[in-house]
Amino acid sequence: MPREVSPRIAAYVAALPLVPGMRILEIGCGPGVAARLCAGRIGDGKVVAIDRSATAIRQATTGSAEWIAQGRLEFRCVAVEDFTLDPSEVRFDLAFAMRVGALDGRHPAQGQKAFLRLKDALRPEGLLFIDGRPPVSGNRLGAGSGT
């Protein structure tokens, strides 16, 4: 069942510098609306979307069967501060988060760990976008980034 896209999410995704072939990480994907929008803009690229809520991941997976079957979208139930890449997995070109407490300063202890995890997940030249803040490159991430 398709979900209506809120103007806030549509505008956020439209502003991301997405190009075909990118690997994208969405942090705090909820029901997967933004992840699907991104998947539609990156051609043969891939979106991996994470959320700490198993309910959100179930909803996102249910609404994304076509994208998942094409290998262009994947959902994982994991908190950003616990996220790690598999050893054979390629780093991401871009990561983004909207209203994620571990990244927007609401939960500083989780944020320190989360930024270190994201440094390992992003290419050095990759970009992290958090809400309305300027992007941070992967090589500048570390404890306290973006705060």
Protein backbone atom coordinates (compact mmCIF):
# COMPACT_ATOMS: atom_id res chain seq x y z
CA MET A 1 0.00 0.00 0.00
CA PRO A 2 1.60 3.32 -1.07
CA ARG A 3 2.08 5.94 1.60
CA GLU A 4 1.51 9.63 1.04
CA VAL A 5 4.72 11.65 1.11
CA SER A 6 4.75 14.61 3.45
CA PRO A 7 5.98 17.90 1.97
CA ARG A 8 8.78 17.97 4.60
CA ILE A 9 10.16 14.56 3.55
CA ALA A 10 9.74 15.30 -0.16
CA ALA A 11 11.62 18.60 0.17
CA TYR A 12 14.38 17.04 2.27
CA VAL A 13 15.03 14.24 -0.23
CA ALA A 14 14.77 16.61 -3.21
CA ALA A 15 17.56 18.73 -1.67
CA LEU A 16 19.98 15.79 -1.28
CA PRO A 17 22.71 15.65 -3.96
CA LEU A 18 21.71 12.20 -5.20
CA VAL A 19 23.09 10.78 -8.45
CA PRO A 20 22.73 7.40 -10.15
CA GLY A 21 24.90 4.63 -8.75
CA MET A 22 25.27 6.04 -5.23
CA ARG A 23 25.19 3.99 -2.04
CA ILE A 24 22.93 5.77 0.45
CA LEU A 25 22.38 5.17 4.17
CA GLU A 26 19.21 6.49 5.74
CA ILE A 27 19.32 6.63 9.53
CA GLY A 28 15.98 6.39 11.33
CA CYS A 29 13.95 5.40 8.28
CA GLY A 30 10.59 4.86 9.99
CA PRO A 31 8.13 3.40 7.46
CA GLY A 32 10.59 3.87 4.58
CA VAL A 33 9.07 6.81 2.71
CA ALA A 34 12.33 8.74 2.24
CA ALA A 35 14.26 5.55 1.45
CA ARG A 36 11.87 4.76 -1.42
CA LEU A 37 12.14 8.32 -2.75
CA CYS A 38 15.94 8.01 -2.73
CA ALA A 39 15.84 4.60 -4.42
CA GLY A 40 13.83 6.19 -7.22
CA ARG A 41 16.55 8.80 -7.82
CA ILE A 42 19.75 6.70 -7.82
CA GLY A 43 19.19 4.34 -10.72
CA ASP A 44 21.23 1.20 -10.14
CA GLY A 45 22.52 2.47 -6.79
CA LYS A 46 21.41 1.13 -3.44
CA VAL A 47 19.76 2.48 -0.31
CA VAL A 48 20.27 0.81 3.05
CA ALA A 49 17.82 2.18 5.58
CA ILE A 50 18.09 1.52 9.31
CA ASP A 51 15.83 2.07 12.28
CA ARG A 52 15.97 0.87 15.88
CA SER A 53 12.25 -0.02 15.77
CA ALA A 54 11.33 -3.51 14.55
CA THR A 55 7.79 -2.23 13.90
CA ALA A 56 9.10 0.52 11.63
CA ILE A 57 11.29 -1.95 9.73
CA ARG A 58 8.30 -4.29 9.23
CA GLN A 59 6.23 -1.39 7.88
CA ALA A 60 9.06 -0.22 5.62
CA THR A 61 9.69 -3.71 4.27
CA THR A 62 6.00 -4.33 3.59
CA GLY A 63 5.69 -1.10 1.61
CA SER A 64 8.89 -1.62 -0.39
CA ALA A 65 8.68 -5.14 -1.85
CA GLU A 66 9.36 -4.05 -5.46
CA TRP A 67 12.47 -2.03 -4.55
CA ILE A 68 13.78 -4.83 -2.32
CA ALA A 69 13.23 -7.44 -5.06
CA GLN A 70 15.27 -5.27 -7.45
CA GLY A 71 18.14 -5.17 -4.94
CA ARG A 72 17.95 -1.36 -4.74
CA LEU A 73 16.65 -1.08 -1.19
CA GLU A 74 17.43 -2.91 2.04
CA PHE A 75 16.14 -2.39 5.58
CA ARG A 76 17.96 -3.33 8.78
CA CYS A 77 16.72 -3.18 12.36
CA VAL A 78 19.62 -1.55 14.20
CA ALA A 79 20.27 1.66 16.14
CA VAL A 80 22.77 4.01 14.51
CA GLU A 81 25.11 3.77 17.51
CA ASP A 82 25.29 -0.02 16.94
CA PHE A 83 25.47 0.03 13.12
CA THR A 84 28.44 -1.62 11.44
CA LEU A 85 29.19 -2.62 7.87
CA ASP A 86 29.78 -6.24 6.99
CA PRO A 87 33.49 -6.79 6.18
CA SER A 88 32.80 -7.16 2.43
CA GLU A 89 30.36 -4.25 2.27
CA VAL A 90 31.26 -1.07 0.37
CA ARG A 91 31.14 2.21 2.30
CA PHE A 92 28.37 4.73 1.65
CA ASP A 93 28.59 7.83 -0.54
CA LEU A 94 25.96 9.69 1.47
CA ALA A 95 24.08 9.24 4.73
CA PHE A 96 21.18 11.26 6.05
CA ALA A 97 18.94 11.52 9.09
CA MET A 98 15.80 13.47 9.89
CA ARG A 99 14.87 13.94 13.54
CA VAL A 100 17.17 11.26 14.95
CA GLY A 101 17.87 11.94 18.62
CA ALA A 102 21.33 10.32 18.62
CA LEU A 103 22.47 12.71 15.87
CA ASP A 104 20.63 15.97 16.50
CA GLY A 105 21.98 16.58 20.01
CA ARG A 106 19.06 15.24 22.05
CA HIS A 107 21.06 12.18 23.21
CA PRO A 108 24.75 13.19 23.40
CA ALA A 109 26.12 9.89 24.77
CA GLN A 110 24.51 7.92 21.94
CA GLY A 111 25.63 10.60 19.50
CA GLN A 112 29.32 10.18 20.30
CA LYS A 113 29.17 6.47 19.50
CA ALA A 114 26.91 7.04 16.47
CA PHE A 115 29.31 9.51 14.83
CA LEU A 116 32.20 7.08 15.23
CA ARG A 117 30.10 4.32 13.62
CA LEU A 118 29.18 6.64 10.74
CA LYS A 119 32.84 7.56 10.19
CA ASP A 120 33.49 3.86 9.56
CA ALA A 121 30.42 3.51 7.31
CA LEU A 122 31.00 6.53 5.05
CA ARG A 123 33.63 6.96 2.37
CA PRO A 124 36.15 9.65 3.41
CA GLU A 125 34.65 11.98 0.78
CA GLY A 126 31.10 10.86 1.60
CA LEU A 127 28.64 13.29 3.13
CA LEU A 128 26.42 13.13 6.21
CA PHE A 129 23.28 15.29 6.25
CA ILE A 130 21.44 15.82 9.54
CA ASP A 131 18.22 17.81 9.47
CA GLY A 132 18.91 21.38 8.31
CA ARG A 133 22.61 21.48 9.19
CA PRO A 134 25.45 21.80 6.68
CA PRO A 135 26.78 18.41 5.55
CA VAL A 136 29.84 16.86 7.20
CA SER A 137 32.33 14.84 5.17
CA GLY A 138 33.19 11.30 6.24
CA ASN A 139 36.81 12.19 6.95
CA ARG A 140 35.71 14.85 9.47
CA LEU A 141 33.38 12.62 11.47
CA GLY A 142 34.17 11.57 15.00
CA ALA A 143 32.87 11.90 18.52
CA GLY A 144 30.78 15.03 18.82
CA SER A 145 30.45 15.72 15.07
CA GLY A 146 27.56 17.87 14.11
CA THR A 147 26.94 19.10 17.63
